[in-house]
Protein backbone atom coordinates (compact mmCIF):
# COMPACT_ATOMS: atom_id res chain seq x y z
CA UNK A 1 29.11 -54.10 -25.80
CA UNK A 2 31.19 -53.83 -22.89
CA UNK A 3 30.35 -52.41 -19.94
CA UNK A 4 33.43 -51.60 -16.81
CA UNK A 5 32.75 -50.49 -13.35
CA UNK A 6 36.65 -49.77 -12.89
CA UNK A 7 36.45 -46.43 -11.17
CA UNK A 8 40.59 -45.97 -12.82
CA UNK A 9 40.06 -47.20 -15.80
CA UNK A 10 36.90 -44.77 -15.95
CA UNK A 11 39.43 -41.33 -14.88
CA UNK A 12 41.83 -42.37 -17.05
CA UNK A 13 40.48 -42.32 -20.22
CA UNK A 14 37.90 -38.88 -19.74
CA UNK A 15 41.13 -37.17 -18.79
CA UNK A 16 42.78 -38.23 -21.93
CA UNK A 17 41.49 -38.79 -25.68
CA UNK A 18 44.56 -39.04 -26.90
CA UNK A 19 45.74 -42.48 -25.03
CA UNK A 20 42.22 -43.59 -25.46
CA UNK A 21 42.44 -43.59 -29.51
CA UNK A 22 45.45 -44.91 -28.95
CA UNK A 23 44.48 -47.83 -26.52
CA UNK A 24 40.79 -48.45 -27.30
CA UNK A 25 40.11 -51.52 -29.84
CA UNK A 26 37.07 -51.54 -31.56
CA UNK A 27 35.95 -53.77 -34.03
CA UNK A 28 34.03 -51.55 -36.36
CA UNK A 29 33.66 -48.37 -37.46
CA UNK A 30 30.21 -47.56 -35.25
CA UNK A 31 31.42 -50.27 -32.20
CA UNK A 32 31.73 -48.46 -28.90
CA UNK A 33 32.25 -49.23 -24.99
CA UNK A 34 30.40 -47.48 -22.37
CA UNK A 35 31.88 -47.36 -18.81
CA UNK A 36 30.10 -46.40 -16.01
CA UNK A 37 31.54 -45.42 -12.78
CA UNK A 38 29.28 -44.35 -9.24
CA UNK A 39 27.58 -41.92 -8.93
CA UNK A 40 25.00 -40.49 -6.31
CA UNK A 41 21.21 -41.46 -7.25
CA UNK A 42 19.93 -38.11 -8.80
CA UNK A 43 23.32 -37.86 -10.78
CA UNK A 44 23.42 -40.13 -14.43
CA UNK A 45 27.08 -39.51 -15.98
CA UNK A 46 28.29 -42.29 -17.93
CA UNK A 47 31.83 -42.19 -20.12
CA UNK A 48 32.09 -43.24 -23.84
CA UNK A 49 34.44 -44.38 -26.09
CA UNK A 50 33.15 -44.53 -29.69
CA UNK A 51 35.04 -44.86 -33.06
CA UNK A 52 32.76 -42.80 -35.94
CA UNK A 53 32.66 -43.06 -39.98
CA UNK A 54 36.49 -41.41 -40.28
CA UNK A 55 37.51 -43.72 -37.49
CA UNK A 56 38.62 -41.17 -35.26
CA UNK A 57 38.05 -42.58 -31.51
CA UNK A 58 36.69 -39.87 -29.53
CA UNK A 59 35.81 -39.77 -25.40
CA UNK A 60 32.37 -38.04 -24.99
CA UNK A 61 31.12 -37.42 -20.66
CA UNK A 62 27.59 -37.23 -20.71
CA UNK A 63 25.42 -35.93 -17.85
CA UNK A 64 22.26 -33.74 -17.02
CA UNK A 65 23.54 -30.67 -18.06
CA UNK A 66 26.51 -30.85 -20.89
CA UNK A 67 28.00 -33.63 -23.51
CA UNK A 68 32.21 -32.72 -23.51
CA UNK A 69 34.83 -33.81 -25.62
CA UNK A 70 38.37 -33.05 -26.26
CA UNK A 71 38.95 -31.82 -29.43
CA UNK A 72 42.27 -32.25 -31.58
CA UNK A 73 41.97 -28.74 -33.37
CA UNK A 74 44.48 -27.77 -36.28
CA UNK A 75 44.58 -23.72 -36.86
CA UNK A 76 45.30 -23.24 -41.09
CA UNK A 77 46.79 -20.17 -41.81
CA UNK A 78 48.88 -18.55 -38.96
CA UNK A 79 48.48 -14.42 -39.72
CA UNK A 80 47.03 -11.71 -37.31
CA UNK A 81 43.77 -13.68 -37.24
CA UNK A 82 44.58 -16.11 -35.29
CA UNK A 83 45.71 -14.33 -32.31
CA UNK A 84 42.54 -13.79 -30.67
CA UNK A 85 41.47 -18.22 -31.79
CA UNK A 86 45.02 -18.90 -29.87
CA UNK A 87 43.91 -16.66 -26.76
CA UNK A 88 40.60 -18.20 -26.94
CA UNK A 89 41.71 -22.39 -27.24
CA UNK A 90 44.35 -21.45 -24.41
CA UNK A 91 41.16 -20.77 -22.13
CA UNK A 92 39.28 -23.46 -23.63
CA UNK A 93 42.70 -26.25 -22.88
CA UNK A 94 40.19 -28.64 -20.91
CA UNK A 95 37.93 -29.13 -24.08
CA UNK A 96 40.57 -28.91 -27.19
CA UNK A 97 43.72 -29.79 -27.89
CA UNK A 98 46.08 -27.82 -30.19
CA UNK A 99 46.99 -30.45 -32.78
CA UNK A 100 48.87 -28.25 -35.64
CA UNK A 101 49.61 -24.99 -36.75
CA UNK A 102 50.00 -24.74 -39.95
CA UNK A 103 51.17 -21.69 -42.61
CA UNK A 104 52.06 -21.85 -46.59
CA UNK A 105 55.08 -19.86 -45.87
CA UNK A 106 57.87 -20.42 -43.97
CA UNK A 107 58.83 -17.16 -42.37
CA UNK A 108 55.32 -16.80 -40.66
CA UNK A 109 55.66 -20.44 -39.56
CA UNK A 110 59.04 -19.15 -38.23
CA UNK A 111 57.81 -16.48 -36.61
CA UNK A 112 54.63 -17.95 -34.88
CA UNK A 113 56.96 -20.79 -33.53
CA UNK A 114 59.21 -18.28 -32.04
CA UNK A 115 56.38 -16.50 -30.31
CA UNK A 116 54.58 -20.04 -29.36
CA UNK A 117 57.84 -22.68 -28.55
CA UNK A 118 54.87 -25.30 -27.05
CA UNK A 119 52.74 -25.47 -29.84
CA UNK A 120 53.88 -28.16 -33.00
CA UNK A 121 53.87 -26.23 -36.22
CA UNK A 122 53.83 -27.90 -39.61
CA UNK A 123 54.05 -27.14 -43.25
CA UNK A 124 52.33 -29.70 -44.49
CA UNK A 125 48.71 -29.25 -44.81
CA UNK A 126 48.52 -32.78 -45.95
CA UNK A 127 49.57 -34.22 -43.04
CA UNK A 128 47.14 -32.82 -40.62
CA UNK A 129 44.03 -33.62 -43.14
CA UNK A 130 45.52 -36.86 -43.18
CA UNK A 131 45.56 -37.34 -39.31
CA UNK A 132 42.77 -38.94 -38.26
CA UNK A 133 42.84 -37.58 -34.64
CA UNK A 134 42.18 -34.05 -35.65
CA UNK A 135 39.02 -33.25 -35.73
CA UNK A 136 38.67 -29.73 -36.01
CA UNK A 137 40.12 -27.37 -38.59
CA UNK A 138 39.85 -23.62 -37.41
CA UNK A 139 40.82 -21.93 -41.40
CA UNK A 140 42.02 -18.53 -41.69
CA UNK A 141 43.67 -17.78 -44.58
CA UNK A 142 42.36 -15.07 -47.22
CA UNK A 143 38.91 -15.85 -48.77
CA UNK A 144 40.02 -16.62 -52.48
CA UNK A 145 41.23 -19.45 -50.65
CA UNK A 146 38.47 -20.99 -48.50
CA UNK A 147 36.22 -22.91 -51.07
CA UNK A 148 39.30 -25.40 -52.07
CA UNK A 149 40.40 -25.69 -48.12
CA UNK A 150 36.57 -26.31 -46.78
CA UNK A 151 36.46 -28.92 -49.53
CA UNK A 152 39.39 -30.39 -48.92
CA UNK A 153 38.47 -30.66 -44.71
CA UNK A 154 34.95 -32.10 -45.66
CA UNK A 155 36.70 -35.26 -47.41
CA UNK A 156 39.06 -35.69 -44.69
CA UNK A 157 36.44 -35.42 -42.14
CA UNK A 158 37.05 -32.52 -40.60
CA UNK A 159 34.57 -30.12 -38.87
CA UNK A 160 35.30 -26.27 -40.28
CA UNK A 161 35.69 -23.22 -38.26
CA UNK A 162 36.23 -20.63 -40.99
CA UNK A 163 37.00 -16.91 -40.99
CA UNK A 164 34.72 -14.66 -42.48
CA UNK A 165 33.74 -13.93 -44.94
CA UNK A 166 32.77 -17.73 -46.06
CA UNK A 167 33.98 -17.04 -49.60
CA UNK A 168 34.34 -14.04 -52.05
CA UNK A 169 31.14 -14.17 -53.42
CA UNK A 170 27.70 -16.08 -52.64
CA UNK A 171 27.97 -18.48 -55.19
CA UNK A 172 30.93 -19.91 -53.62
CA UNK A 173 30.10 -19.53 -50.33
CA UNK A 174 26.42 -21.75 -51.11
CA UNK A 175 29.79 -24.30 -52.30
CA UNK A 176 31.27 -24.24 -48.94
CA UNK A 177 28.50 -24.69 -47.38
CA UNK A 178 26.98 -27.66 -49.54
CA UNK A 179 30.61 -29.37 -49.27
CA UNK A 180 30.05 -29.64 -45.34
CA UNK A 181 25.98 -30.61 -45.52
CA UNK A 182 27.21 -33.27 -47.56
CA UNK A 183 30.25 -35.02 -45.49
CA UNK A 184 27.70 -34.58 -42.41
CA UNK A 185 29.98 -32.03 -40.35
CA UNK A 186 29.74 -29.12 -38.82
CA UNK A 187 30.46 -25.71 -40.49
CA UNK A 188 30.61 -22.04 -38.11
CA UNK A 189 31.73 -19.23 -39.37
CA UNK A 190 33.51 -16.13 -37.39
CA UNK A 191 31.09 -13.62 -37.31
CA UNK A 192 31.48 -13.32 -33.00
CA UNK A 193 30.07 -10.22 -32.34
CA UNK A 194 27.03 -11.43 -31.73
CA UNK A 195 28.50 -12.88 -28.84
CA UNK A 196 29.63 -9.83 -27.04
CA UNK A 197 27.41 -9.67 -24.10
CA UNK A 198 25.92 -6.30 -25.43
CA UNK A 199 24.71 -7.87 -28.74
CA UNK A 200 23.23 -11.06 -26.34
CA UNK A 201 21.34 -8.53 -23.92
CA UNK A 202 19.56 -6.85 -26.65
CA UNK A 203 18.75 -10.04 -28.28
CA UNK A 204 17.28 -11.03 -25.11
CA UNK A 205 15.36 -8.23 -25.14
CA UNK A 206 14.37 -8.17 -28.27
CA UNK A 207 12.82 -12.16 -27.81
CA UNK A 208 10.96 -10.65 -25.18
CA UNK A 209 9.33 -7.89 -26.88
CA UNK A 210 10.82 -5.05 -24.60
CA UNK A 211 10.96 -3.05 -27.48
CA UNK A 212 8.12 -3.10 -29.78
CA UNK A 213 8.51 -3.29 -33.18
CA UNK A 214 11.09 -1.61 -35.13
CA UNK A 215 11.03 1.40 -36.60
CA UNK A 216 14.21 2.52 -37.87
CA UNK A 217 17.58 0.52 -37.90
CA UNK A 218 20.81 2.14 -38.29
CA UNK A 219 24.53 0.49 -38.82
CA UNK A 220 27.48 2.84 -38.74
CA UNK A 221 31.07 1.71 -39.15
CA UNK A 222 33.29 4.47 -39.72
CA UNK A 223 36.70 3.16 -38.77
CA UNK A 224 40.58 3.74 -39.84
CA UNK A 225 42.99 1.65 -41.56
CA UNK A 226 46.64 3.44 -41.91
CA UNK A 227 49.16 3.04 -45.02
CA UNK A 228 50.80 0.05 -43.33
CA UNK A 229 47.44 -2.56 -43.23
CA UNK A 230 47.56 -1.88 -47.03
CA UNK A 231 51.40 -2.34 -47.56
CA UNK A 232 50.75 -5.95 -46.99
CA UNK A 233 50.70 -7.45 -51.02
CA UNK A 234 47.36 -8.10 -52.20
CA UNK A 235 45.18 -6.38 -49.34
CA UNK A 236 42.12 -4.44 -49.87
CA UNK A 237 42.53 -5.87 -53.67
CA UNK A 238 39.77 -8.19 -54.89
CA UNK A 239 42.17 -10.52 -55.84
CA UNK A 240 43.39 -11.83 -52.37
CA UNK A 241 40.22 -10.27 -50.00
CA UNK A 242 37.34 -10.63 -52.49
CA UNK A 243 36.01 -7.32 -51.52
CA UNK A 244 36.40 -4.12 -49.19
CA UNK A 245 34.74 -2.13 -46.46
CA UNK A 246 31.65 -4.38 -46.76
CA UNK A 247 33.46 -7.46 -46.77
CA UNK A 248 36.35 -7.44 -44.68
CA UNK A 249 35.75 -4.89 -42.12
CA UNK A 250 32.17 -3.70 -41.87
CA UNK A 251 30.44 -7.86 -42.68
CA UNK A 252 30.83 -8.31 -38.61
CA UNK A 253 28.18 -5.75 -37.75
CA UNK A 254 26.01 -6.09 -40.50
CA UNK A 255 25.52 -9.41 -39.33
CA UNK A 256 24.79 -8.43 -36.12
CA UNK A 257 22.74 -5.50 -37.33
CA UNK A 258 20.31 -7.43 -39.57
CA UNK A 259 20.30 -10.40 -37.37
CA UNK A 260 18.97 -8.07 -34.47
CA UNK A 261 16.72 -5.91 -36.71
CA UNK A 262 15.60 -8.89 -39.06
CA UNK A 263 15.90 -9.19 -42.96
CA UNK A 264 16.99 -6.61 -44.98
CA UNK A 265 14.02 -6.69 -48.03
CA UNK A 266 16.03 -3.45 -50.00
CA UNK A 267 19.17 -1.27 -50.76
CA UNK A 268 19.73 1.71 -52.47
CA UNK A 269 23.24 1.73 -52.82
CA UNK A 270 26.30 4.02 -53.66
CA UNK A 271 30.54 2.79 -53.13
CA UNK A 272 33.53 4.40 -54.04
CA UNK A 273 37.33 3.65 -53.59
CA UNK A 274 38.94 6.26 -51.91
CA UNK A 275 41.84 8.43 -53.60
CA UNK A 276 43.44 7.90 -50.48
CA UNK A 277 44.73 4.47 -51.52
CA UNK A 278 45.99 2.06 -54.28
CA UNK A 279 43.05 -0.26 -54.23
CA UNK A 280 40.39 -1.31 -56.44
CA UNK A 281 37.73 -2.53 -53.42
CA UNK A 282 35.47 0.34 -51.72
CA UNK A 283 36.39 1.97 -49.08
CA UNK A 284 33.25 4.13 -48.45
CA UNK A 285 30.22 2.49 -49.12
CA UNK A 286 26.94 3.97 -47.65
CA UNK A 287 22.84 2.59 -48.49
CA UNK A 288 19.47 3.41 -48.27
CA UNK A 289 17.64 -0.09 -46.82
CA UNK A 290 14.05 -0.95 -45.84
CA UNK A 291 13.40 -4.50 -43.55
CA UNK A 292 10.52 -6.84 -43.94
CA UNK A 293 8.34 -5.53 -41.36
CA UNK A 294 8.34 -2.04 -43.40
CA UNK A 295 10.90 -0.31 -41.18
CA UNK A 296 13.98 1.84 -43.01
CA UNK A 297 17.01 2.52 -42.60
CA UNK A 298 20.67 3.56 -43.11
CA UNK A 299 24.23 1.81 -43.29
CA UNK A 300 27.47 3.66 -43.47
CA UNK A 301 30.96 2.12 -43.83
CA UNK A 302 34.62 3.30 -44.22
CA UNK A 303 37.94 3.03 -43.43
CA UNK A 304 38.69 6.37 -44.22
CA UNK A 305 37.76 8.12 -41.11
CA UNK A 306 40.98 8.79 -38.66
CA UNK A 307 41.87 7.43 -36.51
CA UNK A 308 38.76 5.05 -36.13
CA UNK A 309 35.14 5.12 -34.06
CA UNK A 310 33.37 2.74 -32.35
CA UNK A 311 30.65 0.78 -34.44
CA UNK A 312 27.35 1.87 -33.70
CA UNK A 313 23.84 0.31 -34.48
CA UNK A 314 20.62 2.28 -33.75
CA UNK A 315 17.30 0.30 -33.21
CA UNK A 316 14.24 3.15 -32.71
CA UNK A 317 11.08 1.24 -31.74
CA UNK A 318 8.24 1.13 -30.46
CA UNK A 319 8.56 1.63 -27.02
CA UNK A 320 11.88 2.28 -27.02
CA UNK A 321 15.74 2.99 -29.11
CA UNK A 322 18.37 0.58 -28.13
CA UNK A 323 21.98 2.13 -29.51
CA UNK A 324 24.96 -0.04 -29.25
CA UNK A 325 28.35 1.66 -28.82
CA UNK A 326 31.05 -1.41 -29.77
CA UNK A 327 30.43 -3.20 -26.54
CA UNK A 328 28.61 -0.98 -24.61
CA UNK A 329 24.70 -0.97 -24.92
CA UNK A 330 22.34 1.63 -24.00
CA UNK A 331 18.32 2.14 -24.13
CA UNK A 332 16.17 4.54 -22.97
CA UNK A 333 11.96 3.52 -22.78
CA UNK A 334 9.49 6.04 -23.12
CA UNK A 335 8.02 5.20 -20.03
CA UNK A 336 11.47 6.63 -18.42
CA UNK A 337 13.06 3.51 -17.74
CA UNK A 338 17.12 3.58 -18.86
CA UNK A 339 19.50 0.35 -19.58
CA UNK A 340 23.38 1.24 -19.17
CA UNK A 341 25.71 -1.76 -20.23
CA UNK A 342 29.50 -0.18 -20.34
CA UNK A 343 31.73 -1.87 -22.78
CA UNK A 344 34.62 -1.79 -24.40
CA UNK A 345 34.70 1.05 -27.19
CA UNK A 346 37.82 -0.31 -28.52
CA UNK A 347 36.55 -2.29 -31.26
CA UNK A 348 39.39 -2.64 -33.84
CA UNK A 349 38.70 0.60 -35.50
CA UNK A 350 41.40 2.45 -35.27
CA UNK A 351 45.07 1.37 -36.26
CA UNK A 352 45.05 -1.72 -34.73
CA UNK A 353 42.74 -3.80 -36.53
CA UNK A 354 43.42 -6.69 -33.16
CA UNK A 355 42.61 -3.98 -30.89
CA UNK A 356 40.08 -5.80 -28.63
CA UNK A 357 39.10 -8.55 -26.06
CA UNK A 358 39.18 -12.40 -27.16
CA UNK A 359 35.83 -13.13 -25.21
CA UNK A 360 33.88 -13.05 -27.92
CA UNK A 361 35.79 -15.27 -29.69
CA UNK A 362 36.22 -17.64 -26.66
CA UNK A 363 32.38 -17.57 -26.51
CA UNK A 364 31.79 -18.09 -30.27
CA UNK A 365 34.37 -21.36 -30.39
CA UNK A 366 32.75 -22.48 -27.05
CA UNK A 367 29.19 -22.26 -28.73
CA UNK A 368 31.36 -24.46 -32.15
CA UNK A 369 32.41 -27.39 -29.85
CA UNK A 370 29.19 -27.60 -27.94
CA UNK A 371 27.09 -27.65 -31.66
CA UNK A 372 29.74 -30.27 -32.36
CA UNK A 373 29.01 -32.29 -29.03
CA UNK A 374 25.59 -32.30 -28.99
CA UNK A 375 24.86 -32.57 -33.14
CA UNK A 376 23.20 -28.93 -33.20
CA UNK A 377 24.18 -26.18 -35.89
CA UNK A 378 26.30 -23.76 -34.49
CA UNK A 379 25.14 -20.14 -33.96
CA UNK A 380 26.41 -19.06 -36.39
CA UNK A 381 26.57 -21.61 -39.41
CA UNK A 382 27.28 -21.41 -42.48
CA UNK A 383 23.78 -21.34 -44.25
CA UNK A 384 22.90 -18.31 -41.48
CA UNK A 385 26.59 -16.54 -42.09
CA UNK A 386 25.89 -16.17 -45.99
CA UNK A 387 22.63 -14.02 -45.26
CA UNK A 388 25.30 -11.01 -44.61
CA UNK A 389 26.94 -11.86 -47.67
CA UNK A 390 23.69 -11.61 -49.62
CA UNK A 391 23.00 -7.66 -48.12
CA UNK A 392 26.42 -7.36 -49.06
CA UNK A 393 26.51 -8.49 -52.50
CA UNK A 394 23.19 -6.15 -53.02
CA UNK A 395 24.52 -3.19 -51.84
CA UNK A 396 27.46 -3.19 -54.06
CA UNK A 397 25.36 -4.43 -57.10
CA UNK A 398 22.64 -1.05 -56.29
CA UNK A 399 26.41 0.61 -56.31
CA UNK A 400 26.77 -0.65 -60.14
CA UNK A 401 23.71 -0.15 -61.29
CA UNK A 402 22.70 3.09 -59.87
CA UNK A 403 18.93 1.52 -59.09
CA UNK A 404 16.83 -0.25 -55.91
CA UNK A 405 18.09 -3.89 -55.71
CA UNK A 406 15.88 -6.11 -53.97
CA UNK A 407 17.82 -8.22 -51.85
CA UNK A 408 17.26 -12.71 -52.46
CA UNK A 409 16.93 -14.51 -49.28
CA UNK A 410 19.87 -17.14 -49.22
CA UNK A 411 17.61 -20.18 -48.73
């Protein structure tokens, strides 16, 4: 190990990961150079240049409060889902560099490049995977493509943040999780509703016992999708999306609902395809549910409710009832207290699926970067995200078989 006390060298290295990767000369895959610069006696700060097992050079700044690294990120998939991710990455420019933007279709690449002339667009996924300087892939492609892409990213040594759902079935989702675990890489899933401010407030109240035990819980996702939405080839079809309203739209709210209320252990479900659309997946679904603690409740999900309404979660508990309406929260205690957190009701439930703030996406991506830098699991890891898919499969199985289904926990 070689230590340097040159302040200017440290500043230069810490300001540019790309330059560090080009200039650092390390003998072996796990050798490292530690660079220190003078700080006040009560603050410890050091910068470290390392090369990992995949041959990538990294600079880490270590301080009392945080470990940060500048990550080179590739966007894989440039459909409408890229918008909140791109806005978030631009906000986080101090921590990330957008190194490549890829889509298999030439028209989509051209449109993206015209809208974002400052970003590198490529037609080569192989090139992204072969580029050792790119350490993170944000995968925003249709669900049926996820397993292959995750496996290829794992083999190439890329951390993966994956758009929901993990895959079209729990079995294929488990394969994704296994591939990333074997590679020793971070694997996060985009279920960003957990990062809404109202959700965080409610989670804190539950953790502190402020509401008491759950007695009844419900989730309602009564959204609208116009004909133009389903005009895109394959939209709403099992061959492309893998599922309907539960897997494609309601999954965000159902994930948040179960993470707050606790595990759902049995379901009696119904599902149907309305006569409004030529699709082969459900656009109406409902279920009676029971929770691990004995509470009961309901799930109601559809995309036929014009013009689309804010998703709603209600938790009726021993001490209080909490209601989340999109990004807003109301809590009514039996002792007369009341909490009101105002938030947007534009949650993407209407004709424009992307009509929502990207703040929750930014918080989720920040958590994912923190997880990589500190070696912990992301808040919404692959293992955690499978839970909602197990629930969805149980509801659909119950609807097909017309019987109550016990929800098997995934791990």
